[in-house]
C-alpha atoms as a PDB file:
ATOM      1  CA  UNK A   1     155.219  71.029 147.614  1.00  0.00           C
ATOM      2  CA  UNK A   2     152.156  71.822 146.148  1.00  0.00           C
ATOM      3  CA  UNK A   3     150.687  68.229 146.380  1.00  0.00           C
ATOM      4  CA  UNK A   4     151.599  68.668 150.224  1.00  0.00           C
ATOM      5  CA  UNK A   5     149.777  72.238 150.648  1.00  0.00           C
ATOM      6  CA  UNK A   6     146.903  70.514 148.757  1.00  0.00           C
ATOM      7  CA  UNK A   7     146.788  68.231 151.125  1.00  0.00           C
ATOM      8  CA  UNK A   8     146.854  69.625 153.978  1.00  0.00           C
ATOM      9  CA  UNK A   9     144.149  72.072 153.028  1.00  0.00           C
ATOM     10  CA  UNK A  10     141.899  69.155 152.171  1.00  0.00           C
ATOM     11  CA  UNK A  11     142.207  67.732 155.753  1.00  0.00           C
ATOM     12  CA  UNK A  12     141.223  70.982 156.981  1.00  0.00           C
ATOM     13  CA  UNK A  13     138.225  71.121 154.610  1.00  0.00           C
ATOM     14  CA  UNK A  14     137.036  67.586 155.858  1.00  0.00           C
ATOM     15  CA  UNK A  15     137.524  68.869 159.557  1.00  0.00           C
ATOM     16  CA  UNK A  16     135.393  71.980 158.615  1.00  0.00           C
ATOM     17  CA  UNK A  17     132.840  70.140 156.581  1.00  0.00           C
ATOM     18  CA  UNK A  18     132.642  67.627 159.189  1.00  0.00           C
ATOM     19  CA  UNK A  19     131.939  70.276 161.947  1.00  0.00           C
ATOM     20  CA  UNK A  20     129.358  72.185 159.746  1.00  0.00           C
ATOM     21  CA  UNK A  21     125.684  71.758 161.102  1.00  0.00           C
ATOM     22  CA  UNK A  22     124.069  74.751 159.006  1.00  0.00           C
ATOM     23  CA  UNK A  23     121.800  72.845 156.076  1.00  0.00           C
ATOM     24  CA  UNK A  24     122.263  76.329 154.153  1.00  0.00           C
ATOM     25  CA  UNK A  25     126.012  76.268 154.625  1.00  0.00           C
ATOM     26  CA  UNK A  26     126.250  72.541 153.334  1.00  0.00           C
ATOM     27  CA  UNK A  27     123.673  73.352 150.431  1.00  0.00           C
ATOM     28  CA  UNK A  28     126.214  76.228 149.261  1.00  0.00           C
ATOM     29  CA  UNK A  29     129.173  74.009 149.609  1.00  0.00           C
ATOM     30  CA  UNK A  30     127.460  71.290 147.828  1.00  0.00           C
ATOM     31  CA  UNK A  31     126.638  73.813 144.678  1.00  0.00           C
ATOM     32  CA  UNK A  32     130.347  74.810 145.048  1.00  0.00           C
ATOM     33  CA  UNK A  33     131.802  71.680 144.803  1.00  0.00           C
ATOM     34  CA  UNK A  34     129.210  70.987 142.103  1.00  0.00           C
ATOM     35  CA  UNK A  35     130.498  73.597 140.004  1.00  0.00           C
ATOM     36  CA  UNK A  36     134.176  73.353 140.885  1.00  0.00           C
ATOM     37  CA  UNK A  37     134.040  69.284 139.899  1.00  0.00           C
ATOM     38  CA  UNK A  38     132.417  70.505 136.899  1.00  0.00           C
ATOM     39  CA  UNK A  39     135.148  73.003 136.037  1.00  0.00           C
ATOM     40  CA  UNK A  40     137.909  70.408 136.911  1.00  0.00           C
ATOM     41  CA  UNK A  41     136.321  67.786 134.283  1.00  0.00           C
ATOM     42  CA  UNK A  42     135.707  70.403 131.884  1.00  0.00           C
ATOM     43  CA  UNK A  43     133.101  68.877 130.181  1.00  0.00           C
ATOM     44  CA  UNK A  44     130.381  66.843 132.273  1.00  0.00           C
ATOM     45  CA  UNK A  45     129.790  65.828 135.757  1.00  0.00           C
ATOM     46  CA  UNK A  46     129.882  62.171 134.419  1.00  0.00           C
ATOM     47  CA  UNK A  47     132.716  60.934 136.368  1.00  0.00           C
ATOM     48  CA  UNK A  48     131.496  62.429 139.632  1.00  0.00           C
ATOM     49  CA  UNK A  49     128.426  61.491 138.939  1.00  0.00           C
ATOM     50  CA  UNK A  50     128.391  57.349 140.028  1.00  0.00           C
ATOM     51  CA  UNK A  51     130.052  57.757 143.413  1.00  0.00           C
ATOM     52  CA  UNK A  52     127.980  60.790 144.423  1.00  0.00           C
ATOM     53  CA  UNK A  53     124.854  58.627 143.795  1.00  0.00           C
ATOM     54  CA  UNK A  54     126.418  55.955 145.092  1.00  0.00           C
ATOM     55  CA  UNK A  55     127.079  57.816 148.358  1.00  0.00           C
ATOM     56  CA  UNK A  56     123.775  59.356 148.327  1.00  0.00           C
ATOM     57  CA  UNK A  57     122.055  56.001 148.122  1.00  0.00           C
ATOM     58  CA  UNK A  58     124.159  55.098 150.660  1.00  0.00           C
ATOM     59  CA  UNK A  59     123.408  57.887 153.131  1.00  0.00           C
ATOM     60  CA  UNK A  60     119.675  57.815 152.152  1.00  0.00           C
ATOM     61  CA  UNK A  61     119.742  54.127 153.429  1.00  0.00           C
ATOM     62  CA  UNK A  62     121.347  54.819 156.726  1.00  0.00           C
ATOM     63  CA  UNK A  63     119.704  57.942 157.714  1.00  0.00           C
ATOM     64  CA  UNK A  64     116.360  57.246 155.981  1.00  0.00           C
ATOM     65  CA  UNK A  65     115.402  54.287 158.624  1.00  0.00           C
ATOM     66  CA  UNK A  66     116.733  56.487 161.475  1.00  0.00           C
ATOM     67  CA  UNK A  67     115.030  59.590 160.495  1.00  0.00           C
ATOM     68  CA  UNK A  68     111.571  57.753 160.320  1.00  0.00           C
ATOM     69  CA  UNK A  69     112.224  55.756 163.896  1.00  0.00           C
ATOM     70  CA  UNK A  70     113.431  58.945 165.451  1.00  0.00           C
ATOM     71  CA  UNK A  71     111.575  61.699 163.422  1.00  0.00           C
ATOM     72  CA  UNK A  72     114.532  63.648 163.038  1.00  0.00           C
ATOM     73  CA  UNK A  73     114.172  64.567 159.301  1.00  0.00           C
ATOM     74  CA  UNK A  74     116.866  67.738 159.506  1.00  0.00           C
ATOM     75  CA  UNK A  75     118.860  65.094 161.155  1.00  0.00           C
ATOM     76  CA  UNK A  76     118.903  62.989 158.235  1.00  0.00           C
ATOM     77  CA  UNK A  77     119.271  65.840 155.468  1.00  0.00           C
ATOM     78  CA  UNK A  78     122.166  67.139 157.528  1.00  0.00           C
ATOM     79  CA  UNK A  79     124.127  63.816 157.191  1.00  0.00           C
ATOM     80  CA  UNK A  80     123.241  63.370 153.729  1.00  0.00           C
ATOM     81  CA  UNK A  81     124.766  66.501 152.650  1.00  0.00           C
ATOM     82  CA  UNK A  82     127.731  66.015 154.876  1.00  0.00           C
ATOM     83  CA  UNK A  83     128.363  62.462 153.073  1.00  0.00           C
ATOM     84  CA  UNK A  84     127.634  64.241 149.518  1.00  0.00           C
ATOM     85  CA  UNK A  85     130.061  67.005 150.211  1.00  0.00           C
ATOM     86  CA  UNK A  86     132.635  64.863 151.680  1.00  0.00           C
ATOM     87  CA  UNK A  87     132.620  63.038 148.502  1.00  0.00           C
ATOM     88  CA  UNK A  88     132.534  65.398 145.703  1.00  0.00           C
ATOM     89  CA  UNK A  89     135.742  67.129 147.758  1.00  0.00           C
ATOM     90  CA  UNK A  90     137.437  63.970 147.938  1.00  0.00           C
ATOM     91  CA  UNK A  91     136.846  63.436 144.206  1.00  0.00           C
ATOM     92  CA  UNK A  92     138.067  67.052 143.641  1.00  0.00           C
ATOM     93  CA  UNK A  93     141.106  66.440 145.521  1.00  0.00           C
ATOM     94  CA  UNK A  94     142.088  63.063 144.129  1.00  0.00           C
ATOM     95  CA  UNK A  95     141.866  64.354 140.825  1.00  0.00           C
ATOM     96  CA  UNK A  96     144.044  67.558 141.439  1.00  0.00           C
ATOM     97  CA  UNK A  97     146.891  66.009 143.428  1.00  0.00           C
ATOM     98  CA  UNK A  98     149.724  63.376 142.981  1.00  0.00           C
ATOM     99  CA  UNK A  99     149.314  61.306 146.510  1.00  0.00           C
ATOM    100  CA  UNK A 100     152.724  59.758 146.178  1.00  0.00           C
ATOM    101  CA  UNK A 101     154.090  63.479 146.364  1.00  0.00           C
ATOM    102  CA  UNK A 102     151.520  64.651 148.803  1.00  0.00           C
ATOM    103  CA  UNK A 103     152.875  61.295 150.990  1.00  0.00           C
ATOM    104  CA  UNK A 104     156.573  61.485 150.017  1.00  0.00           C
ATOM    105  CA  UNK A 105     157.386  63.309 153.511  1.00  0.00           C
ATOM    106  CA  UNK A 106     156.839  59.771 155.187  1.00  0.00           C
ATOM    107  CA  UNK A 107     158.424  56.708 153.973  1.00  0.00           C
ATOM    108  CA  UNK A 108     155.443  54.521 156.048  1.00  0.00           C
ATOM    109  CA  UNK A 109     152.977  56.177 154.347  1.00  0.00           C
ATOM    110  CA  UNK A 110     154.653  56.031 151.058  1.00  0.00           C
ATOM    111  CA  UNK A 111     154.590  52.310 151.415  1.00  0.00           C
ATOM    112  CA  UNK A 112     151.337  52.005 152.783  1.00  0.00           C
ATOM    113  CA  UNK A 113     149.998  54.006 149.461  1.00  0.00           C
ATOM    114  CA  UNK A 114     151.910  51.721 147.297  1.00  0.00           C
ATOM    115  CA  UNK A 115     150.624  48.689 148.874  1.00  0.00           C
ATOM    116  CA  UNK A 116     146.918  50.022 148.826  1.00  0.00           C
ATOM    117  CA  UNK A 117     147.261  50.823 145.172  1.00  0.00           C
ATOM    118  CA  UNK A 118     148.815  47.931 143.863  1.00  0.00           C
ATOM    119  CA  UNK A 119     145.595  46.213 145.510  1.00  0.00           C
ATOM    120  CA  UNK A 120     143.285  48.442 143.717  1.00  0.00           C
ATOM    121  CA  UNK A 121     144.539  47.905 140.761  1.00  0.00           C
ATOM    122  CA  UNK A 122     144.911  43.779 141.049  1.00  0.00           C
ATOM    123  CA  UNK A 123     140.900  44.134 142.405  1.00  0.00           C
ATOM    124  CA  UNK A 124     140.142  46.157 138.864  1.00  0.00           C
ATOM    125  CA  UNK A 125     142.024  43.408 136.669  1.00  0.00           C
ATOM    126  CA  UNK A 126     140.143  40.586 138.311  1.00  0.00           C
ATOM    127  CA  UNK A 127     136.767  42.511 138.414  1.00  0.00           C
ATOM    128  CA  UNK A 128     137.338  43.309 134.734  1.00  0.00           C
ATOM    129  CA  UNK A 129     138.376  39.461 133.450  1.00  0.00           C
ATOM    130  CA  UNK A 130     135.163  38.165 135.843  1.00  0.00           C
ATOM    131  CA  UNK A 131     132.965  40.714 133.920  1.00  0.00           C
ATOM    132  CA  UNK A 132     134.740  39.670 130.388  1.00  0.00           C
ATOM    133  CA  UNK A 133     134.145  36.512 131.116  1.00  0.00           C
ATOM    134  CA  UNK A 134     130.303  36.864 132.131  1.00  0.00           C
ATOM    135  CA  UNK A 135     129.851  38.666 128.871  1.00  0.00           C
ATOM    136  CA  UNK A 136     131.947  35.905 126.675  1.00  0.00           C
ATOM    137  CA  UNK A 137     129.610  32.750 128.251  1.00  0.00           C
ATOM    138  CA  UNK A 138     126.482  34.396 126.721  1.00  0.00           C
ATOM    139  CA  UNK A 139     126.240  35.622 123.154  1.00  0.00           C
ATOM    140  CA  UNK A 140     122.722  37.550 123.701  1.00  0.00           C
ATOM    141  CA  UNK A 141     124.161  39.287 126.756  1.00  0.00           C
ATOM    142  CA  UNK A 142     123.610  38.214 130.320  1.00  0.00           C
ATOM    143  CA  UNK A 143     119.938  38.152 131.988  1.00  0.00           C
ATOM    144  CA  UNK A 144     118.927  39.772 135.124  1.00  0.00           C
ATOM    145  CA  UNK A 145     119.083  36.225 136.959  1.00  0.00           C
ATOM    146  CA  UNK A 146     122.702  35.709 135.689  1.00  0.00           C
ATOM    147  CA  UNK A 147     123.891  39.511 136.586  1.00  0.00           C
ATOM    148  CA  UNK A 148     122.115  38.606 139.829  1.00  0.00           C
ATOM    149  CA  UNK A 149     123.972  35.663 140.825  1.00  0.00           C
ATOM    150  CA  UNK A 150     127.296  37.140 139.176  1.00  0.00           C
ATOM    151  CA  UNK A 151     127.109  39.777 141.256  1.00  0.00           C
ATOM    152  CA  UNK A 152     126.508  37.677 144.856  1.00  0.00           C
ATOM    153  CA  UNK A 153     129.546  35.046 143.629  1.00  0.00           C
ATOM    154  CA  UNK A 154     131.739  38.365 142.845  1.00  0.00           C
ATOM    155  CA  UNK A 155     130.749  40.002 146.243  1.00  0.00           C
ATOM    156  CA  UNK A 156     131.624  36.654 147.785  1.00  0.00           C
ATOM    157  CA  UNK A 157     134.839  35.915 146.089  1.00  0.00           C
ATOM    158  CA  UNK A 158     136.208  39.813 146.799  1.00  0.00           C
ATOM    159  CA  UNK A 159     135.401  39.510 150.515  1.00  0.00           C
ATOM    160  CA  UNK A 160     137.171  36.109 150.569  1.00  0.00           C
ATOM    161  CA  UNK A 161     139.982  37.582 148.645  1.00  0.00           C
ATOM    162  CA  UNK A 162     140.442  40.336 150.676  1.00  0.00           C
ATOM    163  CA  UNK A 163     140.309  38.576 153.821  1.00  0.00           C
ATOM    164  CA  UNK A 164     143.083  36.239 153.230  1.00  0.00           C
ATOM    165  CA  UNK A 165     145.014  39.122 151.632  1.00  0.00           C
ATOM    166  CA  UNK A 166     144.632  41.441 154.985  1.00  0.00           C
ATOM    167  CA  UNK A 167     145.924  38.367 156.592  1.00  0.00           C
ATOM    168  CA  UNK A 168     148.875  38.001 154.632  1.00  0.00           C
ATOM    169  CA  UNK A 169     149.370  41.831 154.335  1.00  0.00           C
ATOM    170  CA  UNK A 170     149.410  42.250 157.919  1.00  0.00           C
ATOM    171  CA  UNK A 171     152.071  39.615 158.907  1.00  0.00           C
ATOM    172  CA  UNK A 172     154.216  41.085 155.808  1.00  0.00           C
ATOM    173  CA  UNK A 173     154.258  44.424 157.510  1.00  0.00           C
ATOM    174  CA  UNK A 174     154.672  43.219 160.991  1.00  0.00           C
ATOM    175  CA  UNK A 175     157.726  41.701 159.797  1.00  0.00           C
ATOM    176  CA  UNK A 176     158.655  45.457 158.250  1.00  0.00           C
ATOM    177  CA  UNK A 177     158.427  47.274 161.407  1.00  0.00           C
ATOM    178  CA  UNK A 178     155.120  48.833 161.004  1.00  0.00           C
ATOM    179  CA  UNK A 179     153.197  47.315 164.468  1.00  0.00           C
ATOM    180  CA  UNK A 180     155.177  48.188 167.162  1.00  0.00           C
ATOM    181  CA  UNK A 181     153.993  46.790 170.366  1.00  0.00           C
END
């Protein structure tokens, strides 16, 4: 019951964060979420920093050209703060609730969660095997050019694999009644 309540609270918080347009309130919430993530991790923000930095770079990559083109710098800051707040809130919630229990009220959502998590675990394992194969090929460690080629190859592999898997999963879901026309 706790997990379902926290999931509902999370969804309401997403709506609230998405509707806020005050930079002051978003900065206040960002500091509170950073503090809550630090308390949740008990030692450091290490596990929350990597996704947050990735979200920050993505938001800056999207909003900076827009701000430079239109001159709406406050909008770029607002968008970036929203993205960081949503990312930190999601990380906090994912650490503190059991999604399987939270979605237990719906058989369909539970099946989709199992399907999604199995794909995530499969892709993590395949990525780990690819990294191990790159390390084993060069005793002195991969060079920068090797890492760039490796990243490009991995990206193409996962894109192609996800495309093929999505077609297969869509057919399997349709046969189980997920898509009712």
